[in-house]
Amino acid sequence: MSASARHSPDGSPVEGPLFTAIVDPARVEGMRSIGFVEHRSVELEPHGTLWIGVRA
């Protein structure tokens, strides 16, 4: 199933703001493609970066 701007990656309907937190950089672009924008990035030394996205 493909995700759209009105559905989460698992296909669930989305109403209102939605947040996501990702450590795997390969998944960030997928979240951007369905409407998420970066809210904040936090360095998690030595584990990489936590990307926090929001979609209104």
PDB file of N, CA and C in Angstrom:
ATOM      1  N   MET A   1       0.843  -1.175   0.000  1.00  0.00           N
ATOM      2  CA  MET A   1       0.000   0.000   0.000  1.00  0.00           C
ATOM      3  C   MET A   1       0.886   1.234   0.000  1.00  0.00           C
ATOM      4  N   SER A   2       0.589   2.200  -0.830  1.00  0.00           N
ATOM      5  CA  SER A   2       1.364   3.430  -0.836  1.00  0.00           C
ATOM      6  C   SER A   2       0.703   4.445   0.090  1.00  0.00           C
ATOM      7  N   ALA A   3       1.523   5.289   0.677  1.00  0.00           N
ATOM      8  CA  ALA A   3       1.020   6.295   1.604  1.00  0.00           C
ATOM      9  C   ALA A   3       0.681   7.569   0.854  1.00  0.00           C
ATOM     10  N   SER A   4      -0.282   8.289   1.327  1.00  0.00           N
ATOM     11  CA  SER A   4      -0.630   9.573   0.738  1.00  0.00           C
ATOM     12  C   SER A   4      -0.584  10.627   1.830  1.00  0.00           C
ATOM     13  N   ALA A   5      -0.807  11.876   1.466  1.00  0.00           N
ATOM     14  CA  ALA A   5      -0.756  12.975   2.428  1.00  0.00           C
ATOM     15  C   ALA A   5      -1.831  12.843   3.494  1.00  0.00           C
ATOM     16  N   ARG A   6      -2.874  12.031   3.273  1.00  0.00           N
ATOM     17  CA  ARG A   6      -3.938  11.867   4.261  1.00  0.00           C
ATOM     18  C   ARG A   6      -3.822  10.554   5.040  1.00  0.00           C
ATOM     19  N   HIS A   7      -2.720   9.819   4.793  1.00  0.00           N
ATOM     20  CA  HIS A   7      -2.532   8.535   5.468  1.00  0.00           C
ATOM     21  C   HIS A   7      -1.108   8.400   5.990  1.00  0.00           C
ATOM     22  N   SER A   8      -0.970   7.706   7.093  1.00  0.00           N
ATOM     23  CA  SER A   8       0.353   7.419   7.635  1.00  0.00           C
ATOM     24  C   SER A   8       1.005   6.333   6.779  1.00  0.00           C
ATOM     25  N   PRO A   9       2.302   6.066   6.988  1.00  0.00           N
ATOM     26  CA  PRO A   9       2.962   5.033   6.191  1.00  0.00           C
ATOM     27  C   PRO A   9       2.294   3.661   6.273  1.00  0.00           C
ATOM     28  N   ASP A  10       1.596   3.367   7.373  1.00  0.00           N
ATOM     29  CA  ASP A  10       0.919   2.068   7.474  1.00  0.00           C
ATOM     30  C   ASP A  10      -0.497   2.101   6.910  1.00  0.00           C
ATOM     31  N   GLY A  11      -0.909   3.241   6.324  1.00  0.00           N
ATOM     32  CA  GLY A  11      -2.211   3.353   5.685  1.00  0.00           C
ATOM     33  C   GLY A  11      -3.324   3.862   6.581  1.00  0.00           C
ATOM     34  N   SER A  12      -3.006   4.157   7.842  1.00  0.00           N
ATOM     35  CA  SER A  12      -4.028   4.661   8.761  1.00  0.00           C
ATOM     36  C   SER A  12      -4.400   6.095   8.416  1.00  0.00           C
ATOM     37  N   PRO A  13      -5.679   6.472   8.544  1.00  0.00           N
ATOM     38  CA  PRO A  13      -6.082   7.853   8.284  1.00  0.00           C
ATOM     39  C   PRO A  13      -5.401   8.806   9.268  1.00  0.00           C
ATOM     40  N   VAL A  14      -5.098  10.011   8.801  1.00  0.00           N
ATOM     41  CA  VAL A  14      -4.454  11.024   9.630  1.00  0.00           C
ATOM     42  C   VAL A  14      -5.399  12.208   9.779  1.00  0.00           C
ATOM     43  N   GLU A  15      -5.644  12.599  11.014  1.00  0.00           N
ATOM     44  CA  GLU A  15      -6.439  13.795  11.291  1.00  0.00           C
ATOM     45  C   GLU A  15      -5.633  14.675  12.222  1.00  0.00           C
ATOM     46  N   GLY A  16      -5.355  15.899  11.822  1.00  0.00           N
ATOM     47  CA  GLY A  16      -4.602  16.820  12.657  1.00  0.00           C
ATOM     48  C   GLY A  16      -3.106  16.591  12.567  1.00  0.00           C
ATOM     49  N   PRO A  17      -2.341  17.287  13.431  1.00  0.00           N
ATOM     50  CA  PRO A  17      -0.876  17.171  13.385  1.00  0.00           C
ATOM     51  C   PRO A  17      -0.410  15.745  13.659  1.00  0.00           C
ATOM     52  N   LEU A  18       0.688  15.391  13.056  1.00  0.00           N
ATOM     53  CA  LEU A  18       1.267  14.074  13.242  1.00  0.00           C
ATOM     54  C   LEU A  18       2.780  14.242  13.352  1.00  0.00           C
ATOM     55  N   PHE A  19       3.377  13.577  14.329  1.00  0.00           N
ATOM     56  CA  PHE A  19       4.815  13.649  14.547  1.00  0.00           C
ATOM     57  C   PHE A  19       5.449  12.304  14.245  1.00  0.00           C
ATOM     58  N   THR A  20       6.719  12.335  13.846  1.00  0.00           N
ATOM     59  CA  THR A  20       7.492  11.123  13.667  1.00  0.00           C
ATOM     60  C   THR A  20       8.904  11.379  14.152  1.00  0.00           C
ATOM     61  N   ALA A  21       9.543  10.357  14.665  1.00  0.00           N
ATOM     62  CA  ALA A  21      10.934  10.437  15.097  1.00  0.00           C
ATOM     63  C   ALA A  21      11.670   9.257  14.471  1.00  0.00           C
ATOM     64  N   ILE A  22      12.737   9.559  13.752  1.00  0.00           N
ATOM     65  CA  ILE A  22      13.447   8.547  12.971  1.00  0.00           C
ATOM     66  C   ILE A  22      14.943   8.639  13.249  1.00  0.00           C
ATOM     67  N   VAL A  23      15.574   7.500  13.425  1.00  0.00           N
ATOM     68  CA  VAL A  23      17.026   7.449  13.570  1.00  0.00           C
ATOM     69  C   VAL A  23      17.669   7.007  12.247  1.00  0.00           C
ATOM     70  N   ASP A  24      16.973   6.217  11.450  1.00  0.00           N
ATOM     71  CA  ASP A  24      17.488   5.701  10.181  1.00  0.00           C
ATOM     72  C   ASP A  24      17.384   6.773   9.099  1.00  0.00           C
ATOM     73  N   PRO A  25      18.518   7.347   8.654  1.00  0.00           N
ATOM     74  CA  PRO A  25      18.471   8.413   7.648  1.00  0.00           C
ATOM     75  C   PRO A  25      17.820   7.986   6.334  1.00  0.00           C
ATOM     76  N   ALA A  26      17.829   6.709   6.027  1.00  0.00           N
ATOM     77  CA  ALA A  26      17.225   6.234   4.784  1.00  0.00           C
ATOM     78  C   ALA A  26      15.703   6.421   4.788  1.00  0.00           C
ATOM     79  N   ARG A  27      15.086   6.508   5.942  1.00  0.00           N
ATOM     80  CA  ARG A  27      13.633   6.658   6.031  1.00  0.00           C
ATOM     81  C   ARG A  27      13.167   8.119   6.015  1.00  0.00           C
ATOM     82  N   VAL A  28      14.086   9.055   6.235  1.00  0.00           N
ATOM     83  CA  VAL A  28      13.709  10.467   6.286  1.00  0.00           C
ATOM     84  C   VAL A  28      13.088  10.923   4.964  1.00  0.00           C
ATOM     85  N   GLU A  29      13.702  10.581   3.849  1.00  0.00           N
ATOM     86  CA  GLU A  29      13.177  11.018   2.543  1.00  0.00           C
ATOM     87  C   GLU A  29      11.776  10.476   2.304  1.00  0.00           C
ATOM     88  N   GLY A  30      11.507   9.263   2.738  1.00  0.00           N
ATOM     89  CA  GLY A  30      10.163   8.704   2.613  1.00  0.00           C
ATOM     90  C   GLY A  30       9.142   9.503   3.408  1.00  0.00           C
ATOM     91  N   MET A  31       9.516   9.946   4.589  1.00  0.00           N
ATOM     92  CA  MET A  31       8.610  10.762   5.404  1.00  0.00           C
ATOM     93  C   MET A  31       8.377  12.129   4.754  1.00  0.00           C
ATOM     94  N   ARG A  32       9.434  12.686   4.169  1.00  0.00           N
ATOM     95  CA  ARG A  32       9.274  13.969   3.468  1.00  0.00           C
ATOM     96  C   ARG A  32       8.340  13.823   2.268  1.00  0.00           C
ATOM     97  N   SER A  33       8.401  12.683   1.597  1.00  0.00           N
ATOM     98  CA  SER A  33       7.584  12.495   0.398  1.00  0.00           C
ATOM     99  C   SER A  33       6.090  12.419   0.711  1.00  0.00           C
ATOM    100  N   ILE A  34       5.738  12.141   1.968  1.00  0.00           N
ATOM    101  CA  ILE A  34       4.318  12.119   2.333  1.00  0.00           C
ATOM    102  C   ILE A  34       3.928  13.337   3.179  1.00  0.00           C
ATOM    103  N   GLY A  35       4.765  14.370   3.148  1.00  0.00           N
ATOM    104  CA  GLY A  35       4.365  15.646   3.725  1.00  0.00           C
ATOM    105  C   GLY A  35       4.992  16.053   5.042  1.00  0.00           C
ATOM    106  N   PHE A  36       5.934  15.279   5.574  1.00  0.00           N
ATOM    107  CA  PHE A  36       6.592  15.686   6.811  1.00  0.00           C
ATOM    108  C   PHE A  36       7.677  16.709   6.526  1.00  0.00           C
ATOM    109  N   VAL A  37       7.856  17.638   7.451  1.00  0.00           N
ATOM    110  CA  VAL A  37       8.954  18.590   7.393  1.00  0.00           C
ATOM    111  C   VAL A  37       9.729  18.466   8.700  1.00  0.00           C
ATOM    112  N   GLU A  38      10.996  18.824   8.645  1.00  0.00           N
ATOM    113  CA  GLU A  38      11.831  18.707   9.838  1.00  0.00           C
ATOM    114  C   GLU A  38      11.408  19.710  10.898  1.00  0.00           C
ATOM    115  N   HIS A  39      11.182  19.206  12.070  1.00  0.00           N
ATOM    116  CA  HIS A  39      10.906  20.058  13.229  1.00  0.00           C
ATOM    117  C   HIS A  39      12.209  20.310  13.985  1.00  0.00           C
ATOM    118  N   ARG A  40      12.999  19.235  14.130  1.00  0.00           N
ATOM    119  CA  ARG A  40      14.264  19.340  14.843  1.00  0.00           C
ATOM    120  C   ARG A  40      15.100  18.099  14.581  1.00  0.00           C
ATOM    121  N   SER A  41      16.407  18.248  14.648  1.00  0.00           N
ATOM    122  CA  SER A  41      17.341  17.123  14.608  1.00  0.00           C
ATOM    123  C   SER A  41      18.157  17.163  15.890  1.00  0.00           C
ATOM    124  N   VAL A  42      18.372  15.988  16.471  1.00  0.00           N
ATOM    125  CA  VAL A  42      19.107  15.887  17.726  1.00  0.00           C
ATOM    126  C   VAL A  42      20.217  14.852  17.560  1.00  0.00           C
ATOM    127  N   GLU A  43      21.444  15.243  17.848  1.00  0.00           N
ATOM    128  CA  GLU A  43      22.570  14.314  17.771  1.00  0.00           C
ATOM    129  C   GLU A  43      22.504  13.341  18.940  1.00  0.00           C
ATOM    130  N   LEU A  44      22.621  12.053  18.630  1.00  0.00           N
ATOM    131  CA  LEU A  44      22.608  10.999  19.636  1.00  0.00           C
ATOM    132  C   LEU A  44      23.956  10.282  19.618  1.00  0.00           C
ATOM    133  N   GLU A  45      24.980  10.962  20.040  1.00  0.00           N
ATOM    134  CA  GLU A  45      26.326  10.389  20.025  1.00  0.00           C
ATOM    135  C   GLU A  45      26.379   9.136  20.859  1.00  0.00           C
ATOM    136  N   PRO A  46      26.931   8.082  20.403  1.00  0.00           N
ATOM    137  CA  PRO A  46      27.558   7.863  19.103  1.00  0.00           C
ATOM    138  C   PRO A  46      26.621   7.184  18.108  1.00  0.00           C
ATOM    139  N   HIS A  47      25.324   7.288  18.285  1.00  0.00           N
ATOM    140  CA  HIS A  47      24.360   6.507  17.510  1.00  0.00           C
ATOM    141  C   HIS A  47      23.820   7.189  16.264  1.00  0.00           C
ATOM    142  N   GLY A  48      24.185   8.419  15.999  1.00  0.00           N
ATOM    143  CA  GLY A  48      23.693   9.113  14.820  1.00  0.00           C
ATOM    144  C   GLY A  48      22.795  10.278  15.188  1.00  0.00           C
ATOM    145  N   THR A  49      21.823  10.556  14.333  1.00  0.00           N
ATOM    146  CA  THR A  49      20.939  11.711  14.501  1.00  0.00           C
ATOM    147  C   THR A  49      19.494  11.270  14.577  1.00  0.00           C
ATOM    148  N   LEU A  50      18.773  11.826  15.528  1.00  0.00           N
ATOM    149  CA  LEU A  50      17.336  11.611  15.633  1.00  0.00           C
ATOM    150  C   LEU A  50      16.666  12.721  14.849  1.00  0.00           C
ATOM    151  N   TRP A  51      15.898  12.353  13.823  1.00  0.00           N
ATOM    152  CA  TRP A  51      15.180  13.322  12.987  1.00  0.00           C
ATOM    153  C   TRP A  51      13.732  13.358  13.457  1.00  0.00           C
ATOM    154  N   ILE A  52      13.251  14.537  13.813  1.00  0.00           N
ATOM    155  CA  ILE A  52      11.873  14.692  14.287  1.00  0.00           C
ATOM    156  C   ILE A  52      11.130  15.508  13.237  1.00  0.00           C
ATOM    157  N   GLY A  53      10.081  14.906  12.694  1.00  0.00           N
ATOM    158  CA  GLY A  53       9.287  15.562  11.661  1.00  0.00           C
ATOM    159  C   GLY A  53       7.865  15.777  12.117  1.00  0.00           C
ATOM    160  N   VAL A  54       7.231  16.755  11.506  1.00  0.00           N
ATOM    161  CA  VAL A  54       5.838  17.069  11.819  1.00  0.00           C
ATOM    162  C   VAL A  54       5.086  17.293  10.515  1.00  0.00           C
ATOM    163  N   ARG A  55       3.825  16.931  10.537  1.00  0.00           N
ATOM    164  CA  ARG A  55       2.945  17.189   9.394  1.00  0.00           C
ATOM    165  C   ARG A  55       1.657  17.765   9.958  1.00  0.00           C
ATOM    166  N   ALA A  56       1.253  18.897   9.420  1.00  0.00           N
ATOM    167  CA  ALA A  56       0.033  19.554   9.911  1.00  0.00           C
ATOM    168  C   ALA A  56      -1.174  19.090   9.145  1.00  0.00           C
TER     169      ALA A  56
END
